Amino acid sequence: LPADIAVCAAAVADWRVAQQAHAKIKKSLYGPPPRFELVPNPDILATICKGEVARPKLVVGFAAETEAMLDNAQAKRKRKGCDWIVANDVSPSIGTFGSDNNTVHLLSDAGIDSWPTMSKQEVAEQLAQRIADHFARPAKEQAAE
């Protein structure tokens, strides 16, 4: 930062181990497996959206969901404070992971724009075009989106 646009495609990792081991954790034949306490990692998307350091003019997040996709994505957009969320269903039965295709929905203040199933490359190109179109419009129209 500073930047005009931030596209936060995925969390690096939502969780991390609370205490790192200082040495290899050996397998024990007689004892129970080790227990790990997890703590949340910093939320990069929410931090960027808060604008504590020169918030970009447009912040785009992603919501990979397995249930109530649109409701959860809309709630995430509001909670994080980003301008747009690209939502998709990543349930195993859908086959998004390991496939070349994806079906996404772009959520913004203007509503929900459901895109047809297309290649992930085409999704990226369409998102880039949508961002370019957003910045090509007058500021008044951008604010309504």
C-alpha atoms as a PDB file:
ATOM      1  CA  LEU A   1       0.000   0.000   0.000  1.00  0.00           C
ATOM      2  CA  PRO A   2      -0.793   2.568  -1.178  1.00  0.00           C
ATOM      3  CA  ALA A   3      -2.667   0.979  -4.070  1.00  0.00           C
ATOM      4  CA  ASP A   4      -5.805   1.739  -6.058  1.00  0.00           C
ATOM      5  CA  ILE A   5      -7.055  -1.856  -5.978  1.00  0.00           C
ATOM      6  CA  ALA A   6      -6.644  -4.805  -3.639  1.00  0.00           C
ATOM      7  CA  VAL A   7      -7.832  -8.240  -4.705  1.00  0.00           C
ATOM      8  CA  CYS A   8      -7.531 -10.657  -1.793  1.00  0.00           C
ATOM      9  CA  ALA A   9      -8.124 -14.002  -3.451  1.00  0.00           C
ATOM     10  CA  ALA A  10      -7.779 -16.276  -0.425  1.00  0.00           C
ATOM     11  CA  ALA A  11      -6.654 -16.352   3.160  1.00  0.00           C
ATOM     12  CA  VAL A  12      -3.100 -17.574   3.540  1.00  0.00           C
ATOM     13  CA  ALA A  13      -4.386 -19.632   6.453  1.00  0.00           C
ATOM     14  CA  ASP A  14      -7.287 -18.898   8.776  1.00  0.00           C
ATOM     15  CA  TRP A  15      -5.638 -20.638  11.741  1.00  0.00           C
ATOM     16  CA  ARG A  16      -2.197 -21.382  13.145  1.00  0.00           C
ATOM     17  CA  VAL A  17      -0.855 -23.367  16.078  1.00  0.00           C
ATOM     18  CA  ALA A  18      -0.828 -21.400  19.327  1.00  0.00           C
ATOM     19  CA  GLN A  19       2.518 -22.825  20.459  1.00  0.00           C
ATOM     20  CA  GLN A  20       5.191 -23.928  18.012  1.00  0.00           C
ATOM     21  CA  ALA A  21       7.276 -26.944  18.955  1.00  0.00           C
ATOM     22  CA  HIS A  22      10.974 -26.290  19.389  1.00  0.00           C
ATOM     23  CA  ALA A  23      11.869 -29.765  18.165  1.00  0.00           C
ATOM     24  CA  LYS A  24      10.326 -32.581  16.175  1.00  0.00           C
ATOM     25  CA  ILE A  25       7.233 -34.056  17.816  1.00  0.00           C
ATOM     26  CA  LYS A  26       8.013 -37.743  17.975  1.00  0.00           C
ATOM     27  CA  LYS A  27       5.372 -40.384  17.423  1.00  0.00           C
ATOM     28  CA  SER A  28       4.623 -42.336  20.553  1.00  0.00           C
ATOM     29  CA  LEU A  29       3.403 -45.912  20.383  1.00  0.00           C
ATOM     30  CA  TYR A  30       1.929 -45.774  23.884  1.00  0.00           C
ATOM     31  CA  GLY A  31       0.674 -42.269  24.463  1.00  0.00           C
ATOM     32  CA  PRO A  32      -2.163 -40.283  22.952  1.00  0.00           C
ATOM     33  CA  PRO A  33      -1.425 -38.130  19.912  1.00  0.00           C
ATOM     34  CA  PRO A  34      -0.416 -34.555  20.693  1.00  0.00           C
ATOM     35  CA  ARG A  35      -3.141 -31.935  21.016  1.00  0.00           C
ATOM     36  CA  PHE A  36      -2.827 -28.620  19.284  1.00  0.00           C
ATOM     37  CA  GLU A  37      -4.544 -25.387  20.211  1.00  0.00           C
ATOM     38  CA  LEU A  38      -5.327 -23.180  17.234  1.00  0.00           C
ATOM     39  CA  VAL A  39      -5.522 -19.383  17.181  1.00  0.00           C
ATOM     40  CA  PRO A  40      -6.690 -17.162  14.341  1.00  0.00           C
ATOM     41  CA  ASN A  41      -4.167 -15.595  11.994  1.00  0.00           C
ATOM     42  CA  PRO A  42      -4.339 -11.856  11.302  1.00  0.00           C
ATOM     43  CA  ASP A  43      -7.173 -11.007   8.891  1.00  0.00           C
ATOM     44  CA  ILE A  44      -5.442  -9.338   5.947  1.00  0.00           C
ATOM     45  CA  LEU A  45      -8.681  -8.472   4.103  1.00  0.00           C
ATOM     46  CA  ALA A  46     -10.307  -6.835   7.137  1.00  0.00           C
ATOM     47  CA  THR A  47      -7.100  -4.955   7.947  1.00  0.00           C
ATOM     48  CA  ILE A  48      -6.867  -3.539   4.424  1.00  0.00           C
ATOM     49  CA  CYS A  49     -10.567  -2.600   4.482  1.00  0.00           C
ATOM     50  CA  LYS A  50     -10.223  -0.704   7.767  1.00  0.00           C
ATOM     51  CA  GLY A  51      -7.976   1.694   5.901  1.00  0.00           C
ATOM     52  CA  GLU A  52      -5.545   2.283   8.705  1.00  0.00           C
ATOM     53  CA  VAL A  53      -2.852   2.504   6.013  1.00  0.00           C
ATOM     54  CA  ALA A  54      -4.175   4.173   2.841  1.00  0.00           C
ATOM     55  CA  ARG A  55      -7.203   1.991   2.015  1.00  0.00           C
ATOM     56  CA  PRO A  56      -7.373   1.154  -1.699  1.00  0.00           C
ATOM     57  CA  LYS A  57     -10.207   2.725  -3.691  1.00  0.00           C
ATOM     58  CA  LEU A  58     -11.583  -0.757  -4.436  1.00  0.00           C
ATOM     59  CA  VAL A  59     -11.160  -3.832  -2.229  1.00  0.00           C
ATOM     60  CA  VAL A  60     -12.286  -7.204  -3.598  1.00  0.00           C
ATOM     61  CA  GLY A  61     -12.490 -10.289  -1.392  1.00  0.00           C
ATOM     62  CA  PHE A  62     -13.421 -13.897  -2.056  1.00  0.00           C
ATOM     63  CA  ALA A  63     -15.822 -16.163  -0.203  1.00  0.00           C
ATOM     64  CA  ALA A  64     -15.357 -19.897  -0.697  1.00  0.00           C
ATOM     65  CA  GLU A  65     -18.462 -21.382   0.899  1.00  0.00           C
ATOM     66  CA  THR A  66     -19.945 -24.839   1.424  1.00  0.00           C
ATOM     67  CA  GLU A  67     -23.404 -23.804   2.662  1.00  0.00           C
ATOM     68  CA  ALA A  68     -25.685 -20.770   2.428  1.00  0.00           C
ATOM     69  CA  MET A  69     -23.187 -19.363  -0.043  1.00  0.00           C
ATOM     70  CA  LEU A  70     -24.832 -16.048  -0.891  1.00  0.00           C
ATOM     71  CA  ASP A  71     -25.969 -15.289   2.662  1.00  0.00           C
ATOM     72  CA  ASN A  72     -22.539 -16.110   4.094  1.00  0.00           C
ATOM     73  CA  ALA A  73     -20.757 -14.149   1.373  1.00  0.00           C
ATOM     74  CA  GLN A  74     -22.941 -11.084   1.920  1.00  0.00           C
ATOM     75  CA  ALA A  75     -22.342 -11.259   5.673  1.00  0.00           C
ATOM     76  CA  LYS A  76     -18.588 -11.571   5.066  1.00  0.00           C
ATOM     77  CA  ARG A  77     -18.596  -8.541   2.760  1.00  0.00           C
ATOM     78  CA  LYS A  78     -20.298  -6.432   5.423  1.00  0.00           C
ATOM     79  CA  ARG A  79     -18.202  -7.796   8.310  1.00  0.00           C
ATOM     80  CA  LYS A  80     -14.879  -7.274   6.553  1.00  0.00           C
ATOM     81  CA  GLY A  81     -15.871  -3.972   4.962  1.00  0.00           C
ATOM     82  CA  CYS A  82     -14.825  -4.793   1.412  1.00  0.00           C
ATOM     83  CA  ASP A  83     -16.477  -3.321  -1.656  1.00  0.00           C
ATOM     84  CA  TRP A  84     -16.980  -6.524  -3.612  1.00  0.00           C
ATOM     85  CA  ILE A  85     -16.999 -10.218  -2.762  1.00  0.00           C
ATOM     86  CA  VAL A  86     -16.578 -12.962  -5.349  1.00  0.00           C
ATOM     87  CA  ALA A  87     -18.471 -15.958  -3.944  1.00  0.00           C
ATOM     88  CA  ASN A  88     -18.340 -19.564  -5.028  1.00  0.00           C
ATOM     89  CA  ASP A  89     -19.479 -22.935  -3.749  1.00  0.00           C
ATOM     90  CA  VAL A  90     -16.530 -25.181  -2.938  1.00  0.00           C
ATOM     91  CA  SER A  91     -18.509 -28.176  -1.695  1.00  0.00           C
ATOM     92  CA  PRO A  92     -16.846 -31.448  -2.753  1.00  0.00           C
ATOM     93  CA  SER A  93     -19.916 -32.381  -4.799  1.00  0.00           C
ATOM     94  CA  ILE A  94     -19.560 -29.217  -6.918  1.00  0.00           C
ATOM     95  CA  GLY A  95     -16.011 -30.033  -8.011  1.00  0.00           C
ATOM     96  CA  THR A  96     -14.538 -26.515  -7.928  1.00  0.00           C
ATOM     97  CA  PHE A  97     -11.232 -27.694  -6.438  1.00  0.00           C
ATOM     98  CA  GLY A  98      -9.244 -29.691  -8.949  1.00  0.00           C
ATOM     99  CA  SER A  99     -11.333 -28.428 -11.860  1.00  0.00           C
ATOM    100  CA  ASP A 100     -10.613 -25.842 -14.533  1.00  0.00           C
ATOM    101  CA  ASN A 101     -14.115 -24.363 -14.205  1.00  0.00           C
ATOM    102  CA  ASN A 102     -15.900 -22.260 -11.641  1.00  0.00           C
ATOM    103  CA  THR A 103     -19.259 -20.610 -11.107  1.00  0.00           C
ATOM    104  CA  VAL A 104     -19.035 -17.328  -9.203  1.00  0.00           C
ATOM    105  CA  HIS A 105     -21.287 -14.541  -7.996  1.00  0.00           C
ATOM    106  CA  LEU A 106     -20.109 -10.946  -7.615  1.00  0.00           C
ATOM    107  CA  LEU A 107     -21.700  -9.231  -4.606  1.00  0.00           C
ATOM    108  CA  SER A 108     -21.599  -5.465  -4.178  1.00  0.00           C
ATOM    109  CA  ASP A 109     -23.817  -2.621  -3.020  1.00  0.00           C
ATOM    110  CA  ALA A 110     -25.460  -2.861  -6.453  1.00  0.00           C
ATOM    111  CA  GLY A 111     -26.622  -6.413  -5.718  1.00  0.00           C
ATOM    112  CA  ILE A 112     -25.638  -9.889  -6.874  1.00  0.00           C
ATOM    113  CA  ASP A 113     -24.345 -10.588 -10.369  1.00  0.00           C
ATOM    114  CA  SER A 114     -24.317 -14.345 -11.043  1.00  0.00           C
ATOM    115  CA  TRP A 115     -21.854 -15.327 -13.739  1.00  0.00           C
ATOM    116  CA  PRO A 116     -22.249 -18.454 -15.880  1.00  0.00           C
ATOM    117  CA  THR A 117     -19.897 -21.381 -15.363  1.00  0.00           C
ATOM    118  CA  MET A 118     -16.621 -20.632 -17.114  1.00  0.00           C
ATOM    119  CA  SER A 119     -12.949 -21.465 -16.896  1.00  0.00           C
ATOM    120  CA  LYS A 120     -11.041 -20.028 -13.950  1.00  0.00           C
ATOM    121  CA  GLN A 121      -8.942 -18.073 -16.462  1.00  0.00           C
ATOM    122  CA  GLU A 122     -12.146 -16.523 -17.861  1.00  0.00           C
ATOM    123  CA  VAL A 123     -13.328 -15.694 -14.332  1.00  0.00           C
ATOM    124  CA  ALA A 124     -10.044 -13.852 -13.721  1.00  0.00           C
ATOM    125  CA  GLU A 125     -10.330 -12.009 -17.039  1.00  0.00           C
ATOM    126  CA  GLN A 126     -13.955 -11.030 -16.412  1.00  0.00           C
ATOM    127  CA  LEU A 127     -13.103  -9.791 -12.909  1.00  0.00           C
ATOM    128  CA  ALA A 128     -10.188  -7.743 -14.293  1.00  0.00           C
ATOM    129  CA  GLN A 129     -12.507  -6.278 -16.926  1.00  0.00           C
ATOM    130  CA  ARG A 130     -15.150  -5.473 -14.307  1.00  0.00           C
ATOM    131  CA  ILE A 131     -12.506  -3.654 -12.236  1.00  0.00           C
ATOM    132  CA  ALA A 132     -11.318  -1.707 -15.301  1.00  0.00           C
ATOM    133  CA  ASP A 133     -14.921  -0.774 -16.153  1.00  0.00           C
ATOM    134  CA  HIS A 134     -15.483   0.345 -12.549  1.00  0.00           C
ATOM    135  CA  PHE A 135     -12.576   2.784 -12.729  1.00  0.00           C
ATOM    136  CA  ALA A 136     -13.596   3.997 -16.200  1.00  0.00           C
ATOM    137  CA  ARG A 137     -16.920   5.303 -14.841  1.00  0.00           C
ATOM    138  CA  PRO A 138     -17.299   8.662 -13.105  1.00  0.00           C
ATOM    139  CA  ALA A 139     -16.704   8.656  -9.341  1.00  0.00           C
ATOM    140  CA  LYS A 140     -20.430   9.191  -8.658  1.00  0.00           C
ATOM    141  CA  GLU A 141     -21.309   5.940 -10.446  1.00  0.00           C
ATOM    142  CA  GLN A 142     -18.428   4.075  -8.754  1.00  0.00           C
ATOM    143  CA  ALA A 143     -19.770   5.000  -5.333  1.00  0.00           C
ATOM    144  CA  ALA A 144     -23.176   3.469  -6.176  1.00  0.00           C
ATOM    145  CA  GLU A 145     -21.590   0.112  -7.021  1.00  0.00           C
END
